[in-house]
Each structure stands twice: as C-alpha cells, then as structure tokens.
Amino acid sequence: MPFPLSGLTFVRCADVSPSAASVEAYQDAIYSAVTAANDYRGTAKPSTHVWTVTKRQVTGVTQAIQFEPPASSGVGVSPVFFLGGRTALSVTPPILSPDTSANGVIFVGMNKNGGAYNSWDASLPMTSGQFSGYYRAIQTLFIGTGTIIRVYVSQETIFIQSIQTATSQGWTYFGAMIQPYTNDTSVCSETDGRIYGMCVSGGTAVTSTWLATASQMFSHSITANALHCAVFQPGTGSIWGCGTRTVYSTGGGTIPETQDSSGAYIADSMDFGRNIGTTAANTGTRLGTLRGIYRAGNVISGRWLRSGSTDLYHYVSVDTVNVANAIMLPAVP
C-alpha cells in the first residue's frame, strides 16, 4: 500500500453565469469564479486553495484559461491544465482521440513537465513537457447566459458543474485526481506519488442514473465527443483511458444502500482501472482511487453538511430541486 496523499478539501466558489452565449464568455465566467477572493458564503479563500489562473487572450478576447495548482500543494511535475475554445477556431487544437474539433466547443487538456507558455492550441501548449490533447468538456448547450457555473476548488483538483436547467448538467474534473495503490514511482505514479487526469461529461448531459450505470459519469466511452476519463501513464506522455470499476448495481443509490447500521451516511470511494478498449470496460490494470470525490447516494445538488456554521461536505447531484444521484466533496474546515 502507498503512503496516502494528503486529503483534498474543497472551496465552493460563488456561482457565476456567462455574460454572453459564447465559449469566450463561458471561460471568462470561470476565471471570475476561481480568482474571486471570497467563496460562495463571502469567506476569504485560504491560500492553500488559491491557484495561479491566467487568461490567455488575443487582442483582448479570451481563448483559454490556464490553471496551475498552488506550490504548497506538493505537486512535483509542473502540472498545467487548460480550458480552451473559440467561437471560430483559427487553427485546430490537438485533440485527444476519439474526440473531434469544432467551433464553439469548450475543451479541457493537461500538460506536465512543461516550460513557459507557448499557445493553448499548439501541439505543445507549453514550450516543453508532455501534453494530453483535448477532450470536449461539456455540451455546447451549456454555454449560455442562463447557465449557472458552480466551481469547487481543492488544493490539487478542480471540479466544474455547469447547470443549464435543474436536471441538465455537465461536469468536468481535472488535476492530481488519482491516489495510486503503491509507491512505485517507476510505473505506478509520477515522481510526486500522484496520477494526473481528467473526467468529462463531454457531449452528453450527466445521466440521472449514473450511480447505477457502468457506462456513465466517471467512466470512459470509446465514442467520439462523449463522456471520458483519462490519465497520464506515469513517467510518460502516453494517455490511458480509465474509469470507475464499480457502480451501485442493486439499490441505485437509495438510502439503505448508502448508510451503515447506525444510520450514518457512507462516502464511497471510486476504484479506478484502465479501460481495455470498450465503453465502460474499466477492467484493466488497477490505477488507484479517485481523490476528493465520493459517491453519496441521492441528494439535492447544492446542499451541504455542516457542524454549526462550518461546512463539512458539499453535495453535487444531477438535480438542483429534487434528490438525485450525487457525489460529496469534503469542505475546507
């Protein structure tokens, strides 16, 4: 077993919405949320959760947002993450198979061991290192002025919930997201003990039954522009498709399935394995457990668990009005 990495806690940023129905405005909104000094309750964000976030613009128009985790997080391979896209692409950015490029799409990609910034749509967005290529992050229908963007920021990962309607959402997660099972940094993790990756809902909305469906969120599809999870193969520039190996196959996230005998709710870890080339077949080599995100049964999205006035957990689900399949994220105490 590995030495465990530090547990992740999340700041919930204040909700934002794009000022216009464009990928540029969508990116500007996320930039505003992540760089705001205070969280959704008006409390100052701790320095441990303040990322270096840079707008990459041409003639004053945003083309990408660059994210770098805080130095205090302990990450050791110079990870950089990009959200990018343009209403009208001037060049085709490097796309990660099986996805395809298009105008008006939000892409997400990751770089490690990089140097200085080059260009978000170059084959290497940084002047050195390894780049994953881009997945489509969310459906284009989520890029509108009515969309609520809710961002959760941890020390080493970022989760973005794009809410078009109460039950129509896109989810994006990226960062040092896997806790490996061993400390073997030659094959099982990067030299800093982490595995870096990203999960997207892609060109589909998060399904209402994802907790009990193997081919849904936090899994991997071999279909273009669909939902995906992928990580860097440790020590290389290769990319592995991957995803959760288990789902709630019996109760589908109903109350009895998510409680112990005392009635306490259980936060289930997600065991990730490599995908073997078929949608949802994440039965290859085991990678580790997903960090910071736990299955939580059925909860209304946006709820929280508090002790007095202190947030303990944030809840994210596929419905902002009724109880639905959910995850829980530990909060900054």
Protein backbone atom coordinates (compact mmCIF):
# COMPACT_ATOMS: atom_id res chain seq x y z
CA MET A 1 0.00 0.00 0.00
CA PRO A 2 1.22 3.54 -0.69
CA PHE A 3 1.77 6.31 1.77
CA PRO A 4 -1.53 8.17 1.44
CA LEU A 5 -1.51 11.54 -0.23
CA SER A 6 -2.91 14.45 1.72
CA GLY A 7 -6.70 14.52 1.77
CA LEU A 8 -8.32 17.06 -0.51
CA THR A 9 -10.80 19.66 0.71
CA PHE A 10 -12.83 21.98 -1.49
CA VAL A 11 -13.78 25.62 -1.57
CA ARG A 12 -17.12 26.24 -3.25
CA CYS A 13 -16.82 29.38 -5.36
CA ALA A 14 -19.66 31.84 -5.81
CA ASP A 15 -21.99 30.95 -8.68
CA VAL A 16 -21.37 32.73 -11.98
CA SER A 17 -23.01 32.80 -15.42
CA PRO A 18 -21.60 33.71 -18.84
CA SER A 19 -22.29 37.28 -19.94
CA ALA A 20 -22.98 36.05 -23.47
CA ALA A 21 -23.71 32.76 -25.23
CA SER A 22 -20.12 32.14 -26.30
CA VAL A 23 -17.20 29.95 -25.29
CA GLU A 24 -15.19 33.11 -24.62
CA ALA A 25 -17.78 34.37 -22.12
CA TYR A 26 -18.01 30.92 -20.52
CA GLN A 27 -14.27 30.94 -19.90
CA ASP A 28 -14.37 34.49 -18.55
CA ALA A 29 -17.06 33.42 -16.07
CA ILE A 30 -14.97 30.52 -14.78
CA TYR A 31 -11.96 32.82 -14.46
CA SER A 32 -14.05 35.22 -12.35
CA ALA A 33 -15.26 32.42 -10.08
CA VAL A 34 -11.86 30.86 -9.44
CA THR A 35 -9.95 34.12 -8.98
CA ALA A 36 -12.51 35.77 -6.67
CA ALA A 37 -11.07 36.43 -3.23
CA ASN A 38 -14.10 35.02 -1.39
CA ASP A 39 -16.13 31.82 -1.57
CA TYR A 40 -19.88 31.35 -2.01
CA ARG A 41 -20.55 32.50 1.57
CA GLY A 42 -18.33 35.57 1.35
CA THR A 43 -15.50 33.99 3.34
CA ALA A 44 -11.93 34.54 2.20
CA LYS A 45 -10.48 31.56 0.37
CA PRO A 46 -7.47 30.00 2.12
CA SER A 47 -4.12 30.43 0.38
CA THR A 48 -3.82 26.64 0.11
CA HIS A 49 -6.67 26.71 -2.41
CA VAL A 50 -5.61 29.71 -4.48
CA TRP A 51 -4.44 28.52 -7.90
CA THR A 52 -2.47 30.55 -10.41
CA VAL A 53 -5.09 31.21 -13.09
CA THR A 54 -4.21 33.03 -16.30
CA LYS A 55 -6.39 34.26 -19.14
CA ARG A 56 -4.80 33.56 -22.49
CA GLN A 57 -6.12 36.25 -24.81
CA VAL A 58 -5.55 37.53 -28.32
CA THR A 59 -6.47 41.18 -28.96
CA GLY A 60 -8.38 41.20 -25.69
CA VAL A 61 -10.50 38.12 -26.44
CA THR A 62 -10.17 35.08 -24.20
CA GLN A 63 -9.11 31.88 -25.95
CA ALA A 64 -8.15 29.74 -22.96
CA ILE A 65 -7.82 29.67 -19.19
CA GLN A 66 -4.62 28.21 -17.75
CA PHE A 67 -4.70 26.63 -14.27
CA GLU A 68 -1.69 25.83 -12.07
CA PRO A 69 -2.10 24.39 -8.55
CA PRO A 70 -0.56 26.24 -5.60
CA ALA A 71 3.08 25.50 -4.84
CA SER A 72 2.11 24.48 -1.30
CA SER A 73 0.15 21.50 -2.66
CA GLY A 74 3.32 19.46 -3.12
CA VAL A 75 2.80 18.59 -6.79
CA GLY A 76 6.10 17.84 -8.46
CA VAL A 77 5.73 17.57 -12.25
CA SER A 78 4.76 21.17 -13.06
CA PRO A 79 1.16 20.32 -13.98
CA VAL A 80 -0.80 22.84 -16.05
CA PHE A 81 -4.43 22.47 -17.11
CA PHE A 82 -6.26 24.30 -19.86
CA LEU A 83 -9.86 25.11 -20.68
CA GLY A 84 -9.92 26.47 -24.19
CA GLY A 85 -12.11 27.14 -27.18
CA ARG A 86 -13.15 29.80 -29.67
CA THR A 87 -16.33 30.73 -31.45
CA ALA A 88 -14.30 30.43 -34.67
CA LEU A 89 -11.07 28.44 -34.40
CA SER A 90 -8.14 29.82 -36.38
CA VAL A 91 -6.24 26.54 -36.09
CA THR A 92 -7.27 23.05 -35.00
CA PRO A 93 -6.06 22.39 -31.45
CA PRO A 94 -4.53 18.98 -30.64
CA ILE A 95 -7.46 16.66 -29.92
CA LEU A 96 -7.34 13.51 -27.80
CA SER A 97 -8.87 10.52 -29.57
CA PRO A 98 -11.68 9.69 -30.10
CA ASP A 99 -12.95 13.28 -29.85
CA THR A 100 -13.09 15.77 -32.71
CA SER A 101 -12.53 19.50 -33.01
CA ALA A 102 -15.27 22.07 -33.64
CA ASN A 103 -16.02 25.75 -33.33
CA GLY A 104 -17.82 26.92 -30.21
CA VAL A 105 -16.68 23.99 -28.04
CA ILE A 106 -15.08 24.06 -24.59
CA PHE A 107 -12.04 21.77 -24.47
CA VAL A 108 -10.01 20.55 -21.48
CA GLY A 109 -6.45 19.25 -21.54
CA MET A 110 -3.41 18.79 -19.30
CA ASN A 111 0.34 19.32 -19.54
CA LYS A 112 3.15 18.11 -17.27
CA ASN A 113 6.88 18.85 -17.02
CA GLY A 114 6.29 22.00 -19.02
CA GLY A 115 8.27 25.16 -19.51
CA ALA A 116 6.93 28.57 -20.43
CA TYR A 117 3.58 29.15 -22.11
CA ASN A 118 3.53 28.70 -25.87
CA SER A 119 -0.07 28.71 -27.20
CA TRP A 120 -3.10 26.83 -25.94
CA ASP A 121 -3.87 25.43 -29.40
CA ALA A 122 -0.28 24.40 -30.27
CA SER A 123 0.78 20.75 -30.28
CA LEU A 124 2.61 21.64 -27.06
CA PRO A 125 0.79 24.47 -25.21
CA MET A 126 3.88 24.80 -23.02
CA THR A 127 7.31 25.03 -24.63
CA SER A 128 8.29 21.62 -23.25
CA GLY A 129 6.90 18.60 -21.46
CA GLN A 130 4.04 16.31 -22.39
CA PHE A 131 0.50 17.28 -23.38
CA SER A 132 -2.58 15.07 -23.35
CA GLY A 133 -4.53 16.64 -26.17
CA TYR A 134 -8.04 17.97 -25.62
CA TYR A 135 -11.34 16.35 -24.79
CA ARG A 136 -14.63 18.16 -25.24
CA ALA A 137 -15.50 19.18 -21.69
CA ILE A 138 -19.27 19.79 -21.91
CA GLN A 139 -22.14 20.05 -24.36
CA THR A 140 -22.38 23.30 -26.30
CA LEU A 141 -25.91 23.85 -24.96
CA PHE A 142 -24.39 24.60 -21.55
CA ILE A 143 -22.65 27.66 -22.99
CA GLY A 144 -25.37 30.26 -22.46
CA THR A 145 -26.29 33.21 -20.30
CA GLY A 146 -28.79 31.10 -18.35
CA THR A 147 -26.17 28.54 -17.33
CA ILE A 148 -25.12 28.53 -13.69
CA ILE A 149 -21.44 27.62 -13.30
CA ARG A 150 -20.53 26.27 -9.88
CA VAL A 151 -16.82 25.64 -9.31
CA TYR A 152 -15.26 23.65 -6.47
CA VAL A 153 -11.51 24.13 -5.95
CA SER A 154 -9.26 21.84 -3.91
CA GLN A 155 -5.53 22.05 -3.31
CA GLU A 156 -4.80 19.86 -6.36
CA THR A 157 -8.01 19.41 -8.38
CA ILE A 158 -10.89 21.48 -9.76
CA PHE A 159 -14.49 20.36 -10.30
CA ILE A 160 -16.78 22.41 -12.57
CA GLN A 161 -20.56 21.92 -12.57
CA SER A 162 -22.37 23.59 -15.46
CA ILE A 163 -26.11 23.78 -14.76
CA GLN A 164 -28.33 24.57 -17.75
CA THR A 165 -31.56 23.53 -16.01
CA ALA A 166 -32.26 21.74 -12.74
CA THR A 167 -31.74 18.34 -14.38
CA SER A 168 -29.49 19.18 -17.35
CA GLN A 169 -25.86 19.46 -16.33
CA GLY A 170 -22.27 19.00 -17.50
CA TRP A 171 -19.41 18.02 -15.16
CA THR A 172 -15.66 18.45 -15.58
CA TYR A 173 -12.94 17.31 -13.14
CA PHE A 174 -9.17 17.63 -13.55
CA GLY A 175 -5.97 17.60 -11.55
CA ALA A 176 -3.92 15.19 -9.44
CA MET A 177 -7.04 13.08 -9.20
CA ILE A 178 -5.83 9.52 -8.53
CA GLN A 179 -4.33 8.10 -5.33
CA PRO A 180 -2.26 5.13 -6.61
CA TYR A 181 -2.17 1.80 -4.82
CA THR A 182 1.61 1.58 -4.45
CA ASN A 183 4.59 3.88 -4.04
CA ASP A 184 6.37 2.53 -7.10
CA THR A 185 7.15 5.78 -8.91
CA SER A 186 8.73 3.89 -11.81
CA VAL A 187 5.41 2.61 -13.17
CA CYS A 188 2.50 3.28 -10.77
CA SER A 189 2.73 7.03 -10.16
CA GLU A 190 4.61 10.14 -11.11
CA THR A 191 7.67 11.00 -9.05
CA ASP A 192 5.46 13.01 -6.71
CA GLY A 193 3.29 9.98 -5.92
CA ARG A 194 0.27 11.19 -7.90
CA ILE A 195 -1.57 10.30 -11.09
CA TYR A 196 -2.85 13.23 -13.15
CA GLY A 197 -6.04 13.08 -15.15
CA MET A 198 -9.39 14.49 -16.20
CA CYS A 199 -13.01 13.36 -16.33
CA VAL A 200 -15.64 14.96 -18.58
CA SER A 201 -19.31 14.50 -19.32
CA GLY A 202 -18.39 15.58 -22.84
CA GLY A 203 -21.09 15.91 -25.47
CA THR A 204 -23.81 14.47 -23.26
CA ALA A 205 -25.55 15.64 -20.11
CA VAL A 206 -24.83 13.72 -16.91
CA THR A 207 -27.47 10.99 -16.81
CA SER A 208 -29.89 10.77 -13.88
CA THR A 209 -28.89 7.15 -13.19
CA TRP A 210 -25.12 7.47 -13.40
CA LEU A 211 -24.58 5.92 -9.94
CA ALA A 212 -26.01 2.62 -11.13
CA THR A 213 -24.90 2.67 -14.77
CA ALA A 214 -21.43 1.45 -15.71
CA SER A 215 -21.21 3.47 -18.93
CA GLN A 216 -21.92 6.89 -17.41
CA MET A 217 -20.15 9.67 -15.49
CA PHE A 218 -16.69 8.81 -14.15
CA SER A 219 -16.43 6.02 -16.71
CA HIS A 220 -14.91 6.04 -20.21
CA SER A 221 -16.59 5.86 -23.60
CA ILE A 222 -14.81 4.98 -26.84
CA THR A 223 -17.38 7.07 -28.75
CA ALA A 224 -16.26 10.46 -30.05
CA ASN A 225 -17.36 13.54 -28.12
CA ALA A 226 -18.93 11.51 -25.33
CA LEU A 227 -18.01 11.14 -21.65
CA HIS A 228 -14.42 10.23 -20.90
CA CYS A 229 -11.87 9.76 -18.14
CA ALA A 230 -8.15 9.66 -18.87
CA VAL A 231 -4.83 9.89 -17.04
CA PHE A 232 -1.20 10.28 -17.97
CA GLN A 233 0.66 6.99 -17.91
CA PRO A 234 3.13 7.71 -15.09
CA GLY A 235 6.55 8.74 -16.28
CA THR A 236 5.48 9.09 -19.92
CA GLY A 237 3.46 11.28 -22.26
CA SER A 238 1.05 8.47 -23.10
CA ILE A 239 -2.63 8.67 -22.14
CA TRP A 240 -4.68 5.88 -20.61
CA GLY A 241 -8.46 5.80 -20.81
CA CYS A 242 -9.85 4.78 -17.44
CA GLY A 243 -12.83 4.95 -15.12
CA THR A 244 -14.59 3.64 -12.08
CA ARG A 245 -14.73 -0.15 -11.82
CA THR A 246 -17.90 -0.31 -9.73
CA VAL A 247 -21.43 1.12 -9.63
CA TYR A 248 -24.40 0.86 -7.28
CA SER A 249 -25.78 -2.20 -9.04
CA THR A 250 -28.55 -3.01 -6.57
CA GLY A 251 -30.19 -0.04 -4.91
CA GLY A 252 -29.10 2.61 -7.36
CA GLY A 253 -28.12 4.95 -4.54
CA THR A 254 -31.21 4.58 -2.39
CA ILE A 255 -30.99 5.41 1.31
CA PRO A 256 -30.41 1.87 2.72
CA GLU A 257 -27.52 1.31 0.34
CA THR A 258 -25.69 4.42 1.47
CA GLN A 259 -25.95 4.09 5.26
CA ASP A 260 -24.35 1.84 7.84
CA SER A 261 -26.24 0.18 10.70
CA SER A 262 -26.12 3.33 12.82
CA GLY A 263 -27.75 5.39 10.08
CA ALA A 264 -24.54 7.25 9.25
CA TYR A 265 -24.07 8.07 5.57
CA ILE A 266 -21.08 6.45 3.90
CA ALA A 267 -18.92 8.25 1.37
CA ASP A 268 -17.89 5.61 -1.14
CA SER A 269 -14.54 5.83 -2.87
CA MET A 270 -14.34 5.15 -6.60
CA ASP A 271 -11.86 2.45 -7.59
CA PHE A 272 -10.35 3.37 -10.98
CA GLY A 273 -8.98 0.93 -13.53
CA ARG A 274 -7.64 1.20 -17.06
CA ASN A 275 -10.14 0.91 -19.88
CA ILE A 276 -9.48 -2.09 -22.15
CA GLY A 277 -10.90 -0.59 -25.33
CA THR A 278 -14.65 -0.98 -24.89
CA THR A 279 -17.05 1.57 -23.42
CA ALA A 280 -17.27 1.15 -19.62
CA ALA A 281 -14.82 -1.79 -19.65
CA ASN A 282 -12.57 -0.32 -16.96
CA THR A 283 -11.36 -3.78 -16.03
CA GLY A 284 -7.70 -3.42 -16.95
CA THR A 285 -4.84 -2.72 -14.58
CA ARG A 286 -5.97 -1.00 -11.41
CA LEU A 287 -4.77 2.56 -11.06
CA GLY A 288 -5.99 3.71 -7.65
CA THR A 289 -8.89 5.61 -6.12
CA LEU A 290 -10.42 8.89 -7.22
CA ARG A 291 -9.31 11.68 -4.89
CA GLY A 292 -11.66 14.21 -3.34
CA ILE A 293 -14.91 12.89 -4.84
CA TYR A 294 -17.11 10.28 -3.16
CA ARG A 295 -20.43 8.71 -4.13
CA ALA A 296 -23.17 9.89 -1.82
CA GLY A 297 -26.45 8.29 -2.88
CA ASN A 298 -29.37 10.62 -3.66
CA VAL A 299 -29.14 14.26 -2.55
CA ILE A 300 -30.36 17.63 -3.87
CA SER A 301 -27.49 19.39 -5.62
CA GLY A 302 -26.06 22.41 -3.82
CA ARG A 303 -26.84 21.11 -0.34
CA TRP A 304 -24.19 20.85 2.35
CA LEU A 305 -23.45 19.09 5.60
CA ARG A 306 -22.49 21.48 8.38
CA SER A 307 -21.48 21.46 12.00
CA GLY A 308 -22.94 24.69 13.26
CA SER A 309 -21.82 27.23 10.64
CA THR A 310 -18.87 25.17 9.42
CA ASP A 311 -19.18 23.36 6.10
CA LEU A 312 -18.13 19.72 6.31
CA TYR A 313 -19.21 18.43 2.89
CA HIS A 314 -20.57 19.86 -0.36
CA TYR A 315 -23.09 17.84 -2.38
CA VAL A 316 -23.34 17.82 -6.15
CA SER A 317 -26.07 15.89 -7.95
CA VAL A 318 -27.90 15.85 -11.28
CA ASP A 319 -30.90 17.75 -9.88
CA THR A 320 -30.95 21.10 -8.08
CA VAL A 321 -34.60 20.69 -6.99
CA ASN A 322 -35.15 17.03 -6.11
CA VAL A 323 -32.96 14.29 -4.66
CA ALA A 324 -30.84 12.59 -7.31
CA ASN A 325 -27.63 10.63 -7.85
CA ALA A 326 -24.92 12.61 -6.08
CA ILE A 327 -21.30 13.00 -5.08
CA MET A 328 -19.93 14.60 -1.94
CA LEU A 329 -16.78 16.72 -1.66
CA PRO A 330 -15.04 17.38 1.68
CA ALA A 331 -15.18 21.09 2.51
CA VAL A 332 -12.43 23.35 3.78
CA PRO A 333 -12.97 23.29 7.55
